[in-house]
Amino acid sequence: MTTSVLAFDTREERLRAAYEANAAPLLRYLKRLTHGRPESAEDLLQETMLRAWRNVDELPESDESVRRWLFTVARNLTIDAVRARTARPVEVGQDDLNRYSVADGALDQVLTRWTVDDALRKLTPEHRAVLVHLYYGDETVSEVAAELNVPNGTVRSRSFYALRMVRGLLERGDRER
């Protein structure tokens, strides 16, 4: 690494010296703590050095004390990272869905079904029952009226208002995405 002609202020020189003297052993230490995950170890090293930069004026005087300080910060950051990871649900990988073979429109059908089912769950039981019988059960208005023990006009009215509510829920869902 070449040194610039411009002189560094003492804070920058001090941090640079701490980094050059400790980065390699600190990275090895962090790789052990992260069970060989180099990306996690590198992130933690970067965060450790950022903490050192923020506290460069408070760093101990001796090189050995600086090293202890850096290793302690790195260890604490690792513990915090593990705690944070265990406190939240497991993250699902971001697979490229295009690599899976799916029949044309099958994914759209599944998503549409989930969306409609979610909207149906938000309806009152009476409205939901009418729509389920009419559209999923493929029953006539008279059959639904007889099964639910209500007049034909009530089935038509509930169907109208239920469809209007579902349409509103679906339109709101599109705007939220």
C-alpha atoms as a PDB file:
ATOM      1  CA  MET A   1       0.000   0.000   0.000  1.00  0.00           C
ATOM      2  CA  THR A   2       1.393   3.397  -0.933  1.00  0.00           C
ATOM      3  CA  THR A   3       1.315   6.293   1.489  1.00  0.00           C
ATOM      4  CA  SER A   4      -0.153   9.566   0.330  1.00  0.00           C
ATOM      5  CA  VAL A   5       2.018  12.645   0.164  1.00  0.00           C
ATOM      6  CA  LEU A   6      -0.573  14.471   2.243  1.00  0.00           C
ATOM      7  CA  ALA A   7      -0.056  14.029   5.975  1.00  0.00           C
ATOM      8  CA  PHE A   8      -2.879  12.369   7.883  1.00  0.00           C
ATOM      9  CA  ASP A   9      -4.224  13.874  11.059  1.00  0.00           C
ATOM     10  CA  THR A  10      -3.312  11.884  14.177  1.00  0.00           C
ATOM     11  CA  ARG A  11      -6.795  10.355  14.575  1.00  0.00           C
ATOM     12  CA  GLU A  12      -6.691   8.849  11.098  1.00  0.00           C
ATOM     13  CA  GLU A  13      -3.106   7.672  11.530  1.00  0.00           C
ATOM     14  CA  ARG A  14      -3.994   6.068  14.845  1.00  0.00           C
ATOM     15  CA  LEU A  15      -6.960   4.218  13.390  1.00  0.00           C
ATOM     16  CA  ARG A  16      -4.956   3.156  10.333  1.00  0.00           C
ATOM     17  CA  ALA A  17      -2.213   1.775  12.600  1.00  0.00           C
ATOM     18  CA  ALA A  18      -4.794  -0.069  14.730  1.00  0.00           C
ATOM     19  CA  TYR A  19      -6.368  -1.542  11.597  1.00  0.00           C
ATOM     20  CA  GLU A  20      -3.097  -2.630  10.011  1.00  0.00           C
ATOM     21  CA  ALA A  21      -1.878  -4.235  13.234  1.00  0.00           C
ATOM     22  CA  ASN A  22      -5.136  -5.997  14.143  1.00  0.00           C
ATOM     23  CA  ALA A  23      -7.350  -6.582  11.090  1.00  0.00           C
ATOM     24  CA  ALA A  24      -5.931  -9.956  10.011  1.00  0.00           C
ATOM     25  CA  PRO A  25      -5.964 -11.619  13.473  1.00  0.00           C
ATOM     26  CA  LEU A  26      -9.325 -10.032  14.240  1.00  0.00           C
ATOM     27  CA  LEU A  27     -10.796 -11.425  11.018  1.00  0.00           C
ATOM     28  CA  ARG A  28      -9.495 -14.924  11.844  1.00  0.00           C
ATOM     29  CA  TYR A  29     -11.030 -14.626  15.321  1.00  0.00           C
ATOM     30  CA  LEU A  30     -14.369 -13.503  13.866  1.00  0.00           C
ATOM     31  CA  LYS A  31     -14.380 -16.369  11.347  1.00  0.00           C
ATOM     32  CA  ARG A  32     -14.068 -18.794  14.245  1.00  0.00           C
ATOM     33  CA  LEU A  33     -16.867 -17.049  16.128  1.00  0.00           C
ATOM     34  CA  THR A  34     -19.127 -17.113  13.060  1.00  0.00           C
ATOM     35  CA  HIS A  35     -18.340 -20.776  12.349  1.00  0.00           C
ATOM     36  CA  GLY A  36     -16.440 -20.066   9.160  1.00  0.00           C
ATOM     37  CA  ARG A  37     -18.935 -17.691   7.519  1.00  0.00           C
ATOM     38  CA  PRO A  38     -16.576 -15.179   5.878  1.00  0.00           C
ATOM     39  CA  GLU A  39     -19.291 -12.684   4.929  1.00  0.00           C
ATOM     40  CA  SER A  40     -20.502 -12.465   8.525  1.00  0.00           C
ATOM     41  CA  ALA A  41     -16.945 -12.176   9.818  1.00  0.00           C
ATOM     42  CA  GLU A  42     -16.161  -9.368   7.359  1.00  0.00           C
ATOM     43  CA  ASP A  43     -19.340  -7.495   8.329  1.00  0.00           C
ATOM     44  CA  LEU A  44     -18.436  -7.783  11.993  1.00  0.00           C
ATOM     45  CA  LEU A  45     -14.866  -6.637  11.316  1.00  0.00           C
ATOM     46  CA  GLN A  46     -16.203  -3.608   9.491  1.00  0.00           C
ATOM     47  CA  GLU A  47     -18.594  -2.808  12.347  1.00  0.00           C
ATOM     48  CA  THR A  48     -15.761  -3.231  14.875  1.00  0.00           C
ATOM     49  CA  MET A  49     -13.551  -0.792  12.990  1.00  0.00           C
ATOM     50  CA  LEU A  50     -16.466   1.625  12.668  1.00  0.00           C
ATOM     51  CA  ARG A  51     -16.847   1.544  16.445  1.00  0.00           C
ATOM     52  CA  ALA A  52     -13.117   2.164  16.759  1.00  0.00           C
ATOM     53  CA  TRP A  53     -13.396   5.150  14.397  1.00  0.00           C
ATOM     54  CA  ARG A  54     -16.274   6.590  16.409  1.00  0.00           C
ATOM     55  CA  ASN A  55     -14.286   6.149  19.634  1.00  0.00           C
ATOM     56  CA  VAL A  56     -10.765   6.810  18.341  1.00  0.00           C
ATOM     57  CA  ASP A  57     -10.155   9.507  20.958  1.00  0.00           C
ATOM     58  CA  GLU A  58     -11.079   7.098  23.761  1.00  0.00           C
ATOM     59  CA  LEU A  59      -8.955   4.170  22.526  1.00  0.00           C
ATOM     60  CA  PRO A  60      -6.344   2.962  25.014  1.00  0.00           C
ATOM     61  CA  GLU A  61      -2.765   4.173  24.572  1.00  0.00           C
ATOM     62  CA  SER A  62      -0.841   0.902  24.287  1.00  0.00           C
ATOM     63  CA  ASP A  63      -1.051  -1.322  21.221  1.00  0.00           C
ATOM     64  CA  GLU A  64      -1.841  -4.344  23.382  1.00  0.00           C
ATOM     65  CA  SER A  65      -4.734  -2.529  25.058  1.00  0.00           C
ATOM     66  CA  VAL A  66      -6.087  -1.404  21.682  1.00  0.00           C
ATOM     67  CA  ARG A  67      -6.011  -5.033  20.511  1.00  0.00           C
ATOM     68  CA  ARG A  68      -7.890  -6.183  23.625  1.00  0.00           C
ATOM     69  CA  TRP A  69     -10.431  -3.388  23.119  1.00  0.00           C
ATOM     70  CA  LEU A  70     -10.989  -4.372  19.469  1.00  0.00           C
ATOM     71  CA  PHE A  71     -11.358  -8.074  20.284  1.00  0.00           C
ATOM     72  CA  THR A  72     -13.805  -7.296  23.089  1.00  0.00           C
ATOM     73  CA  VAL A  73     -15.907  -5.098  20.795  1.00  0.00           C
ATOM     74  CA  ALA A  74     -15.817  -7.778  18.077  1.00  0.00           C
ATOM     75  CA  ARG A  75     -16.915 -10.464  20.543  1.00  0.00           C
ATOM     76  CA  ASN A  76     -19.773  -8.304  21.856  1.00  0.00           C
ATOM     77  CA  LEU A  77     -20.921  -7.478  18.319  1.00  0.00           C
ATOM     78  CA  THR A  78     -20.920 -11.198  17.467  1.00  0.00           C
ATOM     79  CA  ILE A  79     -23.019 -11.986  20.529  1.00  0.00           C
ATOM     80  CA  ASP A  80     -25.458  -9.213  19.602  1.00  0.00           C
ATOM     81  CA  ALA A  81     -25.686 -10.531  16.021  1.00  0.00           C
ATOM     82  CA  VAL A  82     -26.447 -14.062  17.239  1.00  0.00           C
ATOM     83  CA  ARG A  83     -29.089 -12.772  19.634  1.00  0.00           C
ATOM     84  CA  ALA A  84     -30.689 -10.690  16.899  1.00  0.00           C
ATOM     85  CA  ARG A  85     -30.712 -13.658  14.523  1.00  0.00           C
ATOM     86  CA  THR A  86     -32.360 -15.947  17.092  1.00  0.00           C
ATOM     87  CA  ALA A  87     -34.909 -13.308  18.085  1.00  0.00           C
ATOM     88  CA  ARG A  88     -36.457 -13.068  14.631  1.00  0.00           C
ATOM     89  CA  PRO A  89     -37.882 -15.758  12.361  1.00  0.00           C
ATOM     90  CA  VAL A  90     -35.637 -17.627   9.963  1.00  0.00           C
ATOM     91  CA  GLU A  91     -35.221 -15.736   6.721  1.00  0.00           C
ATOM     92  CA  VAL A  92     -36.250 -17.498   3.562  1.00  0.00           C
ATOM     93  CA  GLY A  93     -33.736 -17.433   0.739  1.00  0.00           C
ATOM     94  CA  GLN A  94     -34.471 -15.254  -2.216  1.00  0.00           C
ATOM     95  CA  ASP A  95     -34.760 -17.933  -4.854  1.00  0.00           C
ATOM     96  CA  ASP A  96     -35.319 -16.957  -8.432  1.00  0.00           C
ATOM     97  CA  LEU A  97     -38.819 -18.320  -8.999  1.00  0.00           C
ATOM     98  CA  ASN A  98     -38.243 -18.359 -12.760  1.00  0.00           C
ATOM     99  CA  ARG A  99     -36.017 -21.421 -12.436  1.00  0.00           C
ATOM    100  CA  TYR A 100     -38.921 -23.570 -11.245  1.00  0.00           C
ATOM    101  CA  SER A 101     -41.081 -25.045 -13.946  1.00  0.00           C
ATOM    102  CA  VAL A 102     -44.694 -24.132 -13.390  1.00  0.00           C
ATOM    103  CA  ALA A 103     -47.590 -24.728 -15.713  1.00  0.00           C
ATOM    104  CA  ASP A 104     -48.645 -21.562 -17.497  1.00  0.00           C
ATOM    105  CA  GLY A 105     -50.774 -19.512 -15.153  1.00  0.00           C
ATOM    106  CA  ALA A 106     -50.575 -22.006 -12.253  1.00  0.00           C
ATOM    107  CA  LEU A 107     -48.748 -19.558 -10.010  1.00  0.00           C
ATOM    108  CA  ASP A 108     -51.211 -16.802 -10.872  1.00  0.00           C
ATOM    109  CA  GLN A 109     -54.093 -19.159 -10.063  1.00  0.00           C
ATOM    110  CA  VAL A 110     -52.622 -19.976  -6.653  1.00  0.00           C
ATOM    111  CA  LEU A 111     -52.016 -16.317  -5.844  1.00  0.00           C
ATOM    112  CA  THR A 112     -55.513 -15.371  -6.992  1.00  0.00           C
ATOM    113  CA  ARG A 113     -56.998 -18.156  -4.887  1.00  0.00           C
ATOM    114  CA  TRP A 114     -55.090 -16.977  -1.790  1.00  0.00           C
ATOM    115  CA  THR A 115     -56.175 -13.400  -2.372  1.00  0.00           C
ATOM    116  CA  VAL A 116     -59.838 -14.335  -2.822  1.00  0.00           C
ATOM    117  CA  ASP A 117     -59.769 -16.678   0.187  1.00  0.00           C
ATOM    118  CA  ASP A 118     -58.295 -13.886   2.297  1.00  0.00           C
ATOM    119  CA  ALA A 119     -61.033 -11.505   1.151  1.00  0.00           C
ATOM    120  CA  LEU A 120     -63.726 -14.109   1.885  1.00  0.00           C
ATOM    121  CA  ARG A 121     -62.430 -14.516   5.444  1.00  0.00           C
ATOM    122  CA  LYS A 122     -63.074 -10.819   6.010  1.00  0.00           C
ATOM    123  CA  LEU A 123     -66.773 -11.108   5.133  1.00  0.00           C
ATOM    124  CA  THR A 124     -69.555 -11.791   7.616  1.00  0.00           C
ATOM    125  CA  PRO A 125     -70.472 -15.493   7.885  1.00  0.00           C
ATOM    126  CA  GLU A 126     -73.825 -14.876   6.154  1.00  0.00           C
ATOM    127  CA  HIS A 127     -72.264 -13.101   3.159  1.00  0.00           C
ATOM    128  CA  ARG A 128     -69.468 -15.654   2.905  1.00  0.00           C
ATOM    129  CA  ALA A 129     -71.926 -18.587   2.998  1.00  0.00           C
ATOM    130  CA  VAL A 130     -73.926 -17.174   0.094  1.00  0.00           C
ATOM    131  CA  LEU A 131     -70.845 -16.637  -2.082  1.00  0.00           C
ATOM    132  CA  VAL A 132     -69.385 -20.039  -1.270  1.00  0.00           C
ATOM    133  CA  HIS A 133     -72.639 -21.810  -2.155  1.00  0.00           C
ATOM    134  CA  LEU A 134     -73.184 -19.783  -5.329  1.00  0.00           C
ATOM    135  CA  TYR A 135     -69.666 -19.730  -6.751  1.00  0.00           C
ATOM    136  CA  TYR A 136     -67.782 -22.622  -5.182  1.00  0.00           C
ATOM    137  CA  GLY A 137     -70.771 -24.961  -4.828  1.00  0.00           C
ATOM    138  CA  ASP A 138     -72.163 -23.907  -8.225  1.00  0.00           C
ATOM    139  CA  GLU A 139     -75.681 -23.809  -6.766  1.00  0.00           C
ATOM    140  CA  THR A 140     -78.621 -21.755  -7.980  1.00  0.00           C
ATOM    141  CA  VAL A 141     -80.199 -18.934  -5.986  1.00  0.00           C
ATOM    142  CA  SER A 142     -83.179 -21.171  -5.168  1.00  0.00           C
ATOM    143  CA  GLU A 143     -80.946 -24.005  -3.944  1.00  0.00           C
ATOM    144  CA  VAL A 144     -78.939 -21.635  -1.731  1.00  0.00           C
ATOM    145  CA  ALA A 145     -82.126 -20.065  -0.355  1.00  0.00           C
ATOM    146  CA  ALA A 146     -83.526 -23.492   0.534  1.00  0.00           C
ATOM    147  CA  GLU A 147     -80.254 -24.642   2.099  1.00  0.00           C
ATOM    148  CA  LEU A 148     -79.816 -21.471   4.184  1.00  0.00           C
ATOM    149  CA  ASN A 149     -83.549 -21.214   4.920  1.00  0.00           C
ATOM    150  CA  VAL A 150     -83.840 -17.620   3.636  1.00  0.00           C
ATOM    151  CA  PRO A 151     -85.870 -16.056   0.790  1.00  0.00           C
ATOM    152  CA  ASN A 152     -84.435 -15.859  -2.756  1.00  0.00           C
ATOM    153  CA  GLY A 153     -84.290 -12.057  -2.503  1.00  0.00           C
ATOM    154  CA  THR A 154     -82.083 -12.305   0.598  1.00  0.00           C
ATOM    155  CA  VAL A 155     -79.658 -14.561  -1.279  1.00  0.00           C
ATOM    156  CA  ARG A 156     -79.500 -12.077  -4.167  1.00  0.00           C
ATOM    157  CA  SER A 157     -79.050  -9.121  -1.810  1.00  0.00           C
ATOM    158  CA  ARG A 158     -76.319 -10.842   0.226  1.00  0.00           C
ATOM    159  CA  SER A 159     -74.600 -11.901  -2.970  1.00  0.00           C
ATOM    160  CA  PHE A 160     -74.642  -8.339  -4.324  1.00  0.00           C
ATOM    161  CA  TYR A 161     -73.242  -6.782  -1.140  1.00  0.00           C
ATOM    162  CA  ALA A 162     -70.712  -9.562  -0.572  1.00  0.00           C
ATOM    163  CA  LEU A 163     -69.341  -9.214  -4.106  1.00  0.00           C
ATOM    164  CA  ARG A 164     -69.134  -5.455  -3.656  1.00  0.00           C
ATOM    165  CA  MET A 165     -67.186  -5.878  -0.404  1.00  0.00           C
ATOM    166  CA  VAL A 166     -64.834  -8.442  -1.962  1.00  0.00           C
ATOM    167  CA  ARG A 167     -64.229  -6.169  -4.947  1.00  0.00           C
ATOM    168  CA  GLY A 168     -63.418  -3.284  -2.582  1.00  0.00           C
ATOM    169  CA  LEU A 169     -61.026  -5.443  -0.547  1.00  0.00           C
ATOM    170  CA  LEU A 170     -59.267  -6.651  -3.693  1.00  0.00           C
ATOM    171  CA  GLU A 171     -58.935  -3.128  -5.096  1.00  0.00           C
ATOM    172  CA  ARG A 172     -57.530  -1.871  -1.788  1.00  0.00           C
ATOM    173  CA  GLY A 173     -55.059  -4.765  -1.762  1.00  0.00           C
ATOM    174  CA  ASP A 174     -53.837  -3.818  -5.268  1.00  0.00           C
ATOM    175  CA  ARG A 175     -53.249  -0.220  -4.175  1.00  0.00           C
ATOM    176  CA  GLU A 176     -51.282  -1.345  -1.086  1.00  0.00           C
ATOM    177  CA  ARG A 177     -48.823  -3.378  -3.165  1.00  0.00           C
END
